[in-house]
């Protein structure tokens, strides 16, 4: 399976043909695709060309979809903005979605030399100021994107109404995991996401059931190919392997926060998410069973329900 998708993505090159179609869900057990949006799938992608926002971290491509409450979607590492494709129909009603390709990923420009974690938070702040002026945003991020949302909410609270941070451990990467990821990145830099390297990345990022779906696997491989093997590996090393400890900023979060974790077998299990939530004044935890790092690709239905339930709570009078 992974090898077939690798060949297809490599042939497409910088296209998006390996990634989930925006507005469609994964194949059913019977093998057919069903449209969740009621629009025929393609209509949800009607934003056309992305808006380009110039930031200190680089030029950032943002697809703007729908109208309503401004909502930023920032993907995790190993992926780009196309990874939200399965989830968009669930999030779009009543929302103006700002779907970000982070610097160095997707259709954004290269990450500018010397940019660190704070530079990305500043870039996120610039995007909010330009595309949602005068209105605090609801932030949704997986992994890397969730951590950026937490930092923005702590540093510039007037710009963030709420944060959903999925599989976004605020603690540094554990030593054993760091060593294993660095071994993979050394090979990724040289060879790209081919053969055993691609299989290892897919197994780490997706659950076993999702790892058999061509478009879901393709979303990971296509994002890595489009970013380029050296640029992708460098970004993963800088912002995940060497990520900062954010636990100290959790008590400063005044916005409502939803931490979305997996079960006991997950890379970020419920127990660790609850430890983090205990440090933030207005945090709660949702659990998605059998989930890996790429929750928007891996378990979009359950993830979408958790987000919508959280947003519904925000609208209820206190």
C-alpha atoms as a PDB file:
ATOM      1  CA  UNK A   1       0.000   0.000   0.000  1.00  0.00           C
ATOM      2  CA  UNK A   2       2.573   2.610   1.051  1.00  0.00           C
ATOM      3  CA  UNK A   3       4.821   1.788  -1.916  1.00  0.00           C
ATOM      4  CA  UNK A   4       1.924   2.195  -4.382  1.00  0.00           C
ATOM      5  CA  UNK A   5       1.028   5.587  -2.953  1.00  0.00           C
ATOM      6  CA  UNK A   6       4.694   6.618  -2.898  1.00  0.00           C
ATOM      7  CA  UNK A   7       4.988   5.889  -6.626  1.00  0.00           C
ATOM      8  CA  UNK A   8       1.800   7.825  -7.368  1.00  0.00           C
ATOM      9  CA  UNK A   9       2.809  10.867  -5.314  1.00  0.00           C
ATOM     10  CA  UNK A  10       6.302  10.920  -6.799  1.00  0.00           C
ATOM     11  CA  UNK A  11       4.835  10.891 -10.296  1.00  0.00           C
ATOM     12  CA  UNK A  12       2.503  13.782  -9.444  1.00  0.00           C
ATOM     13  CA  UNK A  13       5.353  15.761  -7.883  1.00  0.00           C
ATOM     14  CA  UNK A  14       4.071  18.998  -6.399  1.00  0.00           C
ATOM     15  CA  UNK A  15       0.414  18.306  -7.149  1.00  0.00           C
ATOM     16  CA  UNK A  16      -2.330  17.642  -4.667  1.00  0.00           C
ATOM     17  CA  UNK A  17      -3.632  14.457  -6.251  1.00  0.00           C
ATOM     18  CA  UNK A  18      -2.468  12.222  -3.414  1.00  0.00           C
ATOM     19  CA  UNK A  19      -4.232  14.185  -0.673  1.00  0.00           C
ATOM     20  CA  UNK A  20      -7.827  14.040   0.594  1.00  0.00           C
ATOM     21  CA  UNK A  21     -10.314  15.892  -1.577  1.00  0.00           C
ATOM     22  CA  UNK A  22     -11.635  18.858   0.336  1.00  0.00           C
ATOM     23  CA  UNK A  23     -15.220  18.234   1.338  1.00  0.00           C
ATOM     24  CA  UNK A  24     -15.133  14.458   1.089  1.00  0.00           C
ATOM     25  CA  UNK A  25     -14.697  11.757   3.653  1.00  0.00           C
ATOM     26  CA  UNK A  26     -12.707   8.576   3.497  1.00  0.00           C
ATOM     27  CA  UNK A  27     -13.900   5.487   1.687  1.00  0.00           C
ATOM     28  CA  UNK A  28     -16.630   3.532   3.448  1.00  0.00           C
ATOM     29  CA  UNK A  29     -16.291  -0.128   4.300  1.00  0.00           C
ATOM     30  CA  UNK A  30     -18.049  -0.904   1.033  1.00  0.00           C
ATOM     31  CA  UNK A  31     -15.301   0.990  -0.784  1.00  0.00           C
ATOM     32  CA  UNK A  32     -17.347   3.944  -2.039  1.00  0.00           C
ATOM     33  CA  UNK A  33     -16.846   7.606  -1.252  1.00  0.00           C
ATOM     34  CA  UNK A  34     -19.661   9.646   0.256  1.00  0.00           C
ATOM     35  CA  UNK A  35     -19.975  13.411   0.366  1.00  0.00           C
ATOM     36  CA  UNK A  36     -20.452  14.809   3.875  1.00  0.00           C
ATOM     37  CA  UNK A  37     -20.936  18.405   2.883  1.00  0.00           C
ATOM     38  CA  UNK A  38     -24.002  18.167   0.675  1.00  0.00           C
ATOM     39  CA  UNK A  39     -22.112  20.208  -1.910  1.00  0.00           C
ATOM     40  CA  UNK A  40     -20.744  17.465  -4.114  1.00  0.00           C
ATOM     41  CA  UNK A  41     -17.348  17.774  -2.445  1.00  0.00           C
ATOM     42  CA  UNK A  42     -15.669  20.258  -4.763  1.00  0.00           C
ATOM     43  CA  UNK A  43     -17.828  23.259  -3.799  1.00  0.00           C
ATOM     44  CA  UNK A  44     -16.254  23.439  -0.345  1.00  0.00           C
ATOM     45  CA  UNK A  45     -12.929  24.109  -2.015  1.00  0.00           C
ATOM     46  CA  UNK A  46     -14.299  27.269  -3.612  1.00  0.00           C
ATOM     47  CA  UNK A  47     -11.708  29.544  -2.031  1.00  0.00           C
ATOM     48  CA  UNK A  48      -9.573  29.192  -5.164  1.00  0.00           C
ATOM     49  CA  UNK A  49      -6.085  30.560  -4.782  1.00  0.00           C
ATOM     50  CA  UNK A  50      -4.862  31.128  -1.222  1.00  0.00           C
ATOM     51  CA  UNK A  51      -4.299  34.537   0.292  1.00  0.00           C
ATOM     52  CA  UNK A  52      -0.601  35.229   0.843  1.00  0.00           C
ATOM     53  CA  UNK A  53       0.375  36.889   4.119  1.00  0.00           C
ATOM     54  CA  UNK A  54       3.884  38.255   4.475  1.00  0.00           C
ATOM     55  CA  UNK A  55       5.303  37.481   7.914  1.00  0.00           C
ATOM     56  CA  UNK A  56       8.716  37.586   9.510  1.00  0.00           C
ATOM     57  CA  UNK A  57       8.800  33.775   9.246  1.00  0.00           C
ATOM     58  CA  UNK A  58       8.103  33.815   5.496  1.00  0.00           C
ATOM     59  CA  UNK A  59       5.198  34.187   3.113  1.00  0.00           C
ATOM     60  CA  UNK A  60       2.262  32.141   4.416  1.00  0.00           C
ATOM     61  CA  UNK A  61      -0.476  30.755   2.171  1.00  0.00           C
ATOM     62  CA  UNK A  62      -3.939  30.758   3.768  1.00  0.00           C
ATOM     63  CA  UNK A  63      -7.071  29.358   2.150  1.00  0.00           C
ATOM     64  CA  UNK A  64     -10.144  31.281   3.280  1.00  0.00           C
ATOM     65  CA  UNK A  65     -13.397  29.292   3.305  1.00  0.00           C
ATOM     66  CA  UNK A  66     -16.939  30.250   4.297  1.00  0.00           C
ATOM     67  CA  UNK A  67     -18.253  33.092   6.427  1.00  0.00           C
ATOM     68  CA  UNK A  68     -18.937  33.517  10.113  1.00  0.00           C
ATOM     69  CA  UNK A  69     -16.784  33.219  13.213  1.00  0.00           C
ATOM     70  CA  UNK A  70     -13.087  33.444  12.282  1.00  0.00           C
ATOM     71  CA  UNK A  71     -11.349  30.122  12.890  1.00  0.00           C
ATOM     72  CA  UNK A  72      -7.701  29.289  12.225  1.00  0.00           C
ATOM     73  CA  UNK A  73      -6.689  25.729  11.281  1.00  0.00           C
ATOM     74  CA  UNK A  74      -2.932  25.085  11.626  1.00  0.00           C
ATOM     75  CA  UNK A  75      -1.700  21.610  10.725  1.00  0.00           C
ATOM     76  CA  UNK A  76       0.874  19.427  12.436  1.00  0.00           C
ATOM     77  CA  UNK A  77       4.323  18.499  11.177  1.00  0.00           C
ATOM     78  CA  UNK A  78       4.601  15.830   8.453  1.00  0.00           C
ATOM     79  CA  UNK A  79       1.470  17.401   6.903  1.00  0.00           C
ATOM     80  CA  UNK A  80       0.172  20.640   5.406  1.00  0.00           C
ATOM     81  CA  UNK A  81      -3.150  22.443   5.075  1.00  0.00           C
ATOM     82  CA  UNK A  82      -4.589  19.744   2.822  1.00  0.00           C
ATOM     83  CA  UNK A  83      -4.678  17.430   5.854  1.00  0.00           C
ATOM     84  CA  UNK A  84      -7.876  19.203   7.008  1.00  0.00           C
ATOM     85  CA  UNK A  85      -9.780  18.042   3.924  1.00  0.00           C
ATOM     86  CA  UNK A  86     -11.841  15.334   5.637  1.00  0.00           C
ATOM     87  CA  UNK A  87     -12.756  17.639   8.510  1.00  0.00           C
ATOM     88  CA  UNK A  88     -13.765  20.836   6.706  1.00  0.00           C
ATOM     89  CA  UNK A  89     -17.436  19.941   6.089  1.00  0.00           C
ATOM     90  CA  UNK A  90     -17.967  19.430   9.826  1.00  0.00           C
ATOM     91  CA  UNK A  91     -16.302  22.722  10.749  1.00  0.00           C
ATOM     92  CA  UNK A  92     -17.501  24.997   7.952  1.00  0.00           C
ATOM     93  CA  UNK A  93     -21.106  25.833   8.997  1.00  0.00           C
ATOM     94  CA  UNK A  94     -21.172  29.302  10.577  1.00  0.00           C
ATOM     95  CA  UNK A  95     -17.415  29.673  10.293  1.00  0.00           C
ATOM     96  CA  UNK A  96     -14.864  31.593   8.267  1.00  0.00           C
ATOM     97  CA  UNK A  97     -12.054  29.067   8.134  1.00  0.00           C
ATOM     98  CA  UNK A  98      -8.479  30.267   7.689  1.00  0.00           C
ATOM     99  CA  UNK A  99      -6.654  27.116   6.595  1.00  0.00           C
ATOM    100  CA  UNK A 100      -2.925  27.718   6.970  1.00  0.00           C
ATOM    101  CA  UNK A 101      -0.002  26.162   5.161  1.00  0.00           C
ATOM    102  CA  UNK A 102       2.763  26.785   7.687  1.00  0.00           C
ATOM    103  CA  UNK A 103       6.002  28.380   6.466  1.00  0.00           C
ATOM    104  CA  UNK A 104       7.995  25.785   4.548  1.00  0.00           C
ATOM    105  CA  UNK A 105       4.966  23.562   3.922  1.00  0.00           C
ATOM    106  CA  UNK A 106       2.273  23.303   1.276  1.00  0.00           C
ATOM    107  CA  UNK A 107       1.985  26.406  -0.872  1.00  0.00           C
ATOM    108  CA  UNK A 108       3.739  28.717   1.574  1.00  0.00           C
ATOM    109  CA  UNK A 109       7.193  30.111   0.993  1.00  0.00           C
ATOM    110  CA  UNK A 110      10.306  28.788   2.646  1.00  0.00           C
ATOM    111  CA  UNK A 111      10.780  29.286   6.361  1.00  0.00           C
ATOM    112  CA  UNK A 112      13.115  32.234   6.736  1.00  0.00           C
ATOM    113  CA  UNK A 113      16.545  31.456   8.117  1.00  0.00           C
ATOM    114  CA  UNK A 114      16.843  31.733  11.874  1.00  0.00           C
ATOM    115  CA  UNK A 115      13.100  31.536  12.577  1.00  0.00           C
ATOM    116  CA  UNK A 116      12.378  29.905  15.910  1.00  0.00           C
ATOM    117  CA  UNK A 117       9.238  29.073  17.846  1.00  0.00           C
ATOM    118  CA  UNK A 118       8.536  32.695  18.764  1.00  0.00           C
ATOM    119  CA  UNK A 119       8.888  33.690  15.125  1.00  0.00           C
ATOM    120  CA  UNK A 120       6.069  31.311  14.232  1.00  0.00           C
ATOM    121  CA  UNK A 121       3.880  32.687  17.010  1.00  0.00           C
ATOM    122  CA  UNK A 122       4.545  36.159  15.622  1.00  0.00           C
ATOM    123  CA  UNK A 123       3.600  34.887  12.150  1.00  0.00           C
ATOM    124  CA  UNK A 124       0.366  33.462  13.540  1.00  0.00           C
ATOM    125  CA  UNK A 125      -0.394  36.805  15.170  1.00  0.00           C
ATOM    126  CA  UNK A 126       0.227  38.570  11.855  1.00  0.00           C
ATOM    127  CA  UNK A 127      -2.192  36.218  10.057  1.00  0.00           C
ATOM    128  CA  UNK A 128      -4.898  36.891  12.638  1.00  0.00           C
ATOM    129  CA  UNK A 129      -4.360  40.665  12.446  1.00  0.00           C
ATOM    130  CA  UNK A 130      -4.560  40.688   8.655  1.00  0.00           C
ATOM    131  CA  UNK A 131      -7.334  38.162   7.989  1.00  0.00           C
ATOM    132  CA  UNK A 132      -9.493  38.553  11.130  1.00  0.00           C
ATOM    133  CA  UNK A 133      -9.004  42.189  12.143  1.00  0.00           C
ATOM    134  CA  UNK A 134     -10.767  43.217  15.314  1.00  0.00           C
ATOM    135  CA  UNK A 135     -12.112  39.746  16.108  1.00  0.00           C
ATOM    136  CA  UNK A 136     -10.573  37.077  18.350  1.00  0.00           C
ATOM    137  CA  UNK A 137     -10.280  33.726  16.606  1.00  0.00           C
ATOM    138  CA  UNK A 138     -11.080  30.179  17.562  1.00  0.00           C
ATOM    139  CA  UNK A 139      -7.860  28.243  17.010  1.00  0.00           C
ATOM    140  CA  UNK A 140      -7.693  24.573  15.993  1.00  0.00           C
ATOM    141  CA  UNK A 141      -4.315  22.888  15.690  1.00  0.00           C
ATOM    142  CA  UNK A 142      -2.862  19.406  15.672  1.00  0.00           C
ATOM    143  CA  UNK A 143       0.541  18.755  17.212  1.00  0.00           C
ATOM    144  CA  UNK A 144       2.756  21.634  16.170  1.00  0.00           C
ATOM    145  CA  UNK A 145      -0.269  23.747  15.255  1.00  0.00           C
ATOM    146  CA  UNK A 146      -1.837  23.142  18.658  1.00  0.00           C
ATOM    147  CA  UNK A 147       1.308  24.249  20.464  1.00  0.00           C
ATOM    148  CA  UNK A 148       1.488  27.452  18.386  1.00  0.00           C
ATOM    149  CA  UNK A 149      -2.133  28.163  19.320  1.00  0.00           C
ATOM    150  CA  UNK A 150      -1.378  27.735  23.021  1.00  0.00           C
ATOM    151  CA  UNK A 151       1.593  30.101  22.758  1.00  0.00           C
ATOM    152  CA  UNK A 152      -0.445  32.706  20.887  1.00  0.00           C
ATOM    153  CA  UNK A 153      -3.282  32.508  23.415  1.00  0.00           C
ATOM    154  CA  UNK A 154      -0.825  33.018  26.284  1.00  0.00           C
ATOM    155  CA  UNK A 155       1.150  35.784  24.588  1.00  0.00           C
ATOM    156  CA  UNK A 156      -1.580  37.736  22.762  1.00  0.00           C
ATOM    157  CA  UNK A 157      -4.814  36.813  24.577  1.00  0.00           C
ATOM    158  CA  UNK A 158      -6.902  39.502  22.869  1.00  0.00           C
ATOM    159  CA  UNK A 159      -6.504  37.673  19.549  1.00  0.00           C
ATOM    160  CA  UNK A 160      -7.662  34.211  20.697  1.00  0.00           C
ATOM    161  CA  UNK A 161     -11.159  33.339  21.886  1.00  0.00           C
ATOM    162  CA  UNK A 162     -10.509  29.604  22.324  1.00  0.00           C
ATOM    163  CA  UNK A 163      -7.967  26.897  21.493  1.00  0.00           C
ATOM    164  CA  UNK A 164      -8.387  23.295  20.396  1.00  0.00           C
ATOM    165  CA  UNK A 165      -4.991  21.579  20.673  1.00  0.00           C
ATOM    166  CA  UNK A 166      -5.025  17.973  19.475  1.00  0.00           C
ATOM    167  CA  UNK A 167      -2.172  15.561  20.150  1.00  0.00           C
ATOM    168  CA  UNK A 168      -0.195  18.638  21.202  1.00  0.00           C
ATOM    169  CA  UNK A 169       1.923  17.622  24.169  1.00  0.00           C
ATOM    170  CA  UNK A 170       3.238  20.854  25.731  1.00  0.00           C
ATOM    171  CA  UNK A 171       6.180  18.994  27.266  1.00  0.00           C
ATOM    172  CA  UNK A 172       9.490  18.409  25.439  1.00  0.00           C
ATOM    173  CA  UNK A 173       9.842  15.247  23.385  1.00  0.00           C
ATOM    174  CA  UNK A 174      10.956  12.286  25.568  1.00  0.00           C
ATOM    175  CA  UNK A 175      14.569  11.210  25.079  1.00  0.00           C
ATOM    176  CA  UNK A 176      13.821   7.757  23.633  1.00  0.00           C
ATOM    177  CA  UNK A 177      11.384   9.198  21.120  1.00  0.00           C
ATOM    178  CA  UNK A 178      13.841  11.958  20.222  1.00  0.00           C
ATOM    179  CA  UNK A 179      16.549   9.429  19.369  1.00  0.00           C
ATOM    180  CA  UNK A 180      14.188   7.352  17.227  1.00  0.00           C
ATOM    181  CA  UNK A 181      12.853  10.361  15.318  1.00  0.00           C
ATOM    182  CA  UNK A 182      16.348  11.677  14.631  1.00  0.00           C
ATOM    183  CA  UNK A 183      17.323   8.336  13.082  1.00  0.00           C
ATOM    184  CA  UNK A 184      14.325   8.607  10.754  1.00  0.00           C
ATOM    185  CA  UNK A 185      15.098  12.237   9.910  1.00  0.00           C
ATOM    186  CA  UNK A 186      18.683  11.430   8.949  1.00  0.00           C
ATOM    187  CA  UNK A 187      17.353   9.002   6.341  1.00  0.00           C
ATOM    188  CA  UNK A 188      14.566  11.348   5.263  1.00  0.00           C
ATOM    189  CA  UNK A 189      17.081  14.129   4.528  1.00  0.00           C
ATOM    190  CA  UNK A 190      19.034  11.882   2.185  1.00  0.00           C
ATOM    191  CA  UNK A 191      16.389   9.741   0.490  1.00  0.00           C
ATOM    192  CA  UNK A 192      13.005  11.358   1.017  1.00  0.00           C
ATOM    193  CA  UNK A 193       9.836   9.507   2.108  1.00  0.00           C
ATOM    194  CA  UNK A 194      10.490   6.329   0.131  1.00  0.00           C
ATOM    195  CA  UNK A 195      10.463   2.638   1.037  1.00  0.00           C
ATOM    196  CA  UNK A 196      11.008   1.900   4.687  1.00  0.00           C
ATOM    197  CA  UNK A 197      11.302   5.583   5.588  1.00  0.00           C
ATOM    198  CA  UNK A 198       7.825   6.302   4.274  1.00  0.00           C
ATOM    199  CA  UNK A 199       6.420   3.219   5.980  1.00  0.00           C
ATOM    200  CA  UNK A 200       7.933   4.221   9.329  1.00  0.00           C
ATOM    201  CA  UNK A 201       6.544   7.757   9.084  1.00  0.00           C
ATOM    202  CA  UNK A 202       3.070   6.556   8.107  1.00  0.00           C
ATOM    203  CA  UNK A 203       3.039   4.020  10.950  1.00  0.00           C
ATOM    204  CA  UNK A 204       4.028   6.746  13.401  1.00  0.00           C
ATOM    205  CA  UNK A 205       1.530   9.338  12.157  1.00  0.00           C
ATOM    206  CA  UNK A 206      -1.535   7.183  11.369  1.00  0.00           C
ATOM    207  CA  UNK A 207      -3.343   4.297  13.021  1.00  0.00           C
ATOM    208  CA  UNK A 208      -3.157   0.899  11.342  1.00  0.00           C
ATOM    209  CA  UNK A 209      -6.626   1.216   9.814  1.00  0.00           C
ATOM    210  CA  UNK A 210      -5.902   4.650   8.310  1.00  0.00           C
ATOM    211  CA  UNK A 211      -2.575   3.433   6.975  1.00  0.00           C
ATOM    212  CA  UNK A 212      -4.388   1.322   4.384  1.00  0.00           C
ATOM    213  CA  UNK A 213      -6.306   4.233   2.807  1.00  0.00           C
ATOM    214  CA  UNK A 214      -4.545   5.653  -0.260  1.00  0.00           C
ATOM    215  CA  UNK A 215      -5.666   9.279   0.090  1.00  0.00           C
ATOM    216  CA  UNK A 216      -4.899   9.348   3.802  1.00  0.00           C
ATOM    217  CA  UNK A 217      -1.421   7.912   3.309  1.00  0.00           C
ATOM    218  CA  UNK A 218      -0.991  10.200   0.318  1.00  0.00           C
ATOM    219  CA  UNK A 219      -1.673  13.286   2.406  1.00  0.00           C
ATOM    220  CA  UNK A 220       1.436  12.562   4.478  1.00  0.00           C
ATOM    221  CA  UNK A 221       3.714  11.556   1.611  1.00  0.00           C
ATOM    222  CA  UNK A 222       2.541  14.366  -0.650  1.00  0.00           C
ATOM    223  CA  UNK A 223       3.164  16.982   2.050  1.00  0.00           C
ATOM    224  CA  UNK A 224       6.707  15.691   2.589  1.00  0.00           C
ATOM    225  CA  UNK A 225       7.424  15.645  -1.142  1.00  0.00           C
ATOM    226  CA  UNK A 226       6.046  19.134  -1.649  1.00  0.00           C
ATOM    227  CA  UNK A 227       8.070  20.523   1.265  1.00  0.00           C
ATOM    228  CA  UNK A 228      11.239  18.799   0.069  1.00  0.00           C
ATOM    229  CA  UNK A 229      13.150  16.203   2.040  1.00  0.00           C
ATOM    230  CA  UNK A 230      15.740  18.562   3.568  1.00  0.00           C
ATOM    231  CA  UNK A 231      13.292  21.331   4.426  1.00  0.00           C
ATOM    232  CA  UNK A 232      10.763  18.904   5.900  1.00  0.00           C
ATOM    233  CA  UNK A 233      13.356  17.134   8.046  1.00  0.00           C
ATOM    234  CA  UNK A 234      14.803  20.419   9.291  1.00  0.00           C
ATOM    235  CA  UNK A 235      11.368  21.730  10.262  1.00  0.00           C
ATOM    236  CA  UNK A 236      10.481  18.531  12.119  1.00  0.00           C
ATOM    237  CA  UNK A 237      13.802  18.588  13.972  1.00  0.00           C
ATOM    238  CA  UNK A 238      13.521  22.257  14.951  1.00  0.00           C
ATOM    239  CA  UNK A 239       9.877  22.364  16.001  1.00  0.00           C
ATOM    240  CA  UNK A 240       9.197  18.851  17.271  1.00  0.00           C
ATOM    241  CA  UNK A 241      12.404  17.025  18.197  1.00  0.00           C
ATOM    242  CA  UNK A 242      13.771  20.195  19.824  1.00  0.00           C
ATOM    243  CA  UNK A 243      10.439  21.704  20.819  1.00  0.00           C
ATOM    244  CA  UNK A 244      10.304  23.942  23.852  1.00  0.00           C
ATOM    245  CA  UNK A 245       8.674  23.112  27.166  1.00  0.00           C
ATOM    246  CA  UNK A 246       5.345  24.976  27.197  1.00  0.00           C
ATOM    247  CA  UNK A 247       3.995  23.643  30.486  1.00  0.00           C
ATOM    248  CA  UNK A 248       5.011  26.856  32.253  1.00  0.00           C
ATOM    249  CA  UNK A 249       2.681  28.971  30.135  1.00  0.00           C
ATOM    250  CA  UNK A 250      -0.429  26.837  30.752  1.00  0.00           C
ATOM    251  CA  UNK A 251      -1.422  28.687  33.973  1.00  0.00           C
ATOM    252  CA  UNK A 252      -1.439  31.952  31.951  1.00  0.00           C
ATOM    253  CA  UNK A 253      -4.112  30.742  29.530  1.00  0.00           C
ATOM    254  CA  UNK A 254      -7.314  32.676  30.117  1.00  0.00           C
ATOM    255  CA  UNK A 255      -9.092  31.354  27.015  1.00  0.00           C
ATOM    256  CA  UNK A 256     -11.112  28.125  27.083  1.00  0.00           C
ATOM    257  CA  UNK A 257      -8.913  25.249  25.900  1.00  0.00           C
ATOM    258  CA  UNK A 258      -9.805  21.791  24.635  1.00  0.00           C
ATOM    259  CA  UNK A 259      -6.952  19.284  24.737  1.00  0.00           C
ATOM    260  CA  UNK A 260      -7.725  16.325  22.479  1.00  0.00           C
ATOM    261  CA  UNK A 261      -5.805  13.182  23.357  1.00  0.00           C
ATOM    262  CA  UNK A 262      -5.862   9.499  22.531  1.00  0.00           C
ATOM    263  CA  UNK A 263      -6.352   6.416  24.640  1.00  0.00           C
ATOM    264  CA  UNK A 264      -3.642   4.694  26.678  1.00  0.00           C
ATOM    265  CA  UNK A 265      -1.882   3.398  23.513  1.00  0.00           C
ATOM    266  CA  UNK A 266      -1.733   6.848  21.904  1.00  0.00           C
ATOM    267  CA  UNK A 267       1.431   8.948  21.580  1.00  0.00           C
ATOM    268  CA  UNK A 268      -0.318  11.502  23.810  1.00  0.00           C
ATOM    269  CA  UNK A 269      -2.584   9.519  26.116  1.00  0.00           C
ATOM    270  CA  UNK A 270      -5.467  10.860  28.167  1.00  0.00           C
ATOM    271  CA  UNK A 271      -3.502  10.706  31.416  1.00  0.00           C
ATOM    272  CA  UNK A 272      -0.856  13.164  30.185  1.00  0.00           C
ATOM    273  CA  UNK A 273      -3.464  15.449  28.658  1.00  0.00           C
ATOM    274  CA  UNK A 274      -5.286  15.614  31.996  1.00  0.00           C
ATOM    275  CA  UNK A 275      -2.022  16.486  33.755  1.00  0.00           C
ATOM    276  CA  UNK A 276      -1.622  19.389  31.319  1.00  0.00           C
ATOM    277  CA  UNK A 277      -5.265  20.447  31.664  1.00  0.00           C
ATOM    278  CA  UNK A 278      -4.893  20.643  35.435  1.00  0.00           C
ATOM    279  CA  UNK A 279      -2.390  23.483  34.923  1.00  0.00           C
ATOM    280  CA  UNK A 280      -4.646  25.624  32.708  1.00  0.00           C
ATOM    281  CA  UNK A 281      -7.540  27.464  34.400  1.00  0.00           C
ATOM    282  CA  UNK A 282     -10.173  26.783  31.713  1.00  0.00           C
ATOM    283  CA  UNK A 283      -8.996  23.579  30.041  1.00  0.00           C
ATOM    284  CA  UNK A 284     -10.864  20.368  29.448  1.00  0.00           C
ATOM    285  CA  UNK A 285      -9.956  17.060  27.789  1.00  0.00           C
ATOM    286  CA  UNK A 286     -11.603  15.031  25.035  1.00  0.00           C
ATOM    287  CA  UNK A 287     -10.442  11.535  24.155  1.00  0.00           C
ATOM    288  CA  UNK A 288     -10.432   9.968  20.691  1.00  0.00           C
ATOM    289  CA  UNK A 289      -9.704   6.220  20.897  1.00  0.00           C
ATOM    290  CA  UNK A 290      -7.164   4.553  18.590  1.00  0.00           C
ATOM    291  CA  UNK A 291      -5.746   7.897  17.446  1.00  0.00           C
ATOM    292  CA  UNK A 292      -2.275   8.751  16.309  1.00  0.00           C
ATOM    293  CA  UNK A 293      -0.613  12.102  15.653  1.00  0.00           C
ATOM    294  CA  UNK A 294      -2.550  13.180  12.533  1.00  0.00           C
ATOM    295  CA  UNK A 295      -5.984  13.315  14.124  1.00  0.00           C
ATOM    296  CA  UNK A 296      -7.653  15.274  11.292  1.00  0.00           C
ATOM    297  CA  UNK A 297      -6.666  12.499   8.879  1.00  0.00           C
ATOM    298  CA  UNK A 298      -6.874   9.590  11.254  1.00  0.00           C
ATOM    299  CA  UNK A 299     -10.172  10.108  13.102  1.00  0.00           C
ATOM    300  CA  UNK A 300     -11.910  13.096  11.440  1.00  0.00           C
ATOM    301  CA  UNK A 301     -15.457  12.154  12.478  1.00  0.00           C
ATOM    302  CA  UNK A 302     -14.675  11.814  16.183  1.00  0.00           C
ATOM    303  CA  UNK A 303     -12.365  14.830  16.108  1.00  0.00           C
ATOM    304  CA  UNK A 304     -15.038  16.933  14.417  1.00  0.00           C
ATOM    305  CA  UNK A 305     -17.658  15.950  16.995  1.00  0.00           C
ATOM    306  CA  UNK A 306     -15.323  16.897  19.853  1.00  0.00           C
ATOM    307  CA  UNK A 307     -14.599  20.302  18.313  1.00  0.00           C
ATOM    308  CA  UNK A 308     -18.251  21.063  17.608  1.00  0.00           C
ATOM    309  CA  UNK A 309     -19.292  20.037  21.140  1.00  0.00           C
ATOM    310  CA  UNK A 310     -16.614  22.354  22.568  1.00  0.00           C
ATOM    311  CA  UNK A 311     -17.770  25.254  20.396  1.00  0.00           C
ATOM    312  CA  UNK A 312     -21.381  24.639  21.415  1.00  0.00           C
ATOM    313  CA  UNK A 313     -20.361  24.959  25.066  1.00  0.00           C
ATOM    314  CA  UNK A 314     -18.666  28.282  24.298  1.00  0.00           C
ATOM    315  CA  UNK A 315     -21.928  29.720  23.001  1.00  0.00           C
ATOM    316  CA  UNK A 316     -23.974  28.747  26.051  1.00  0.00           C
ATOM    317  CA  UNK A 317     -24.673  31.522  28.552  1.00  0.00           C
ATOM    318  CA  UNK A 318     -22.566  31.126  31.676  1.00  0.00           C
END
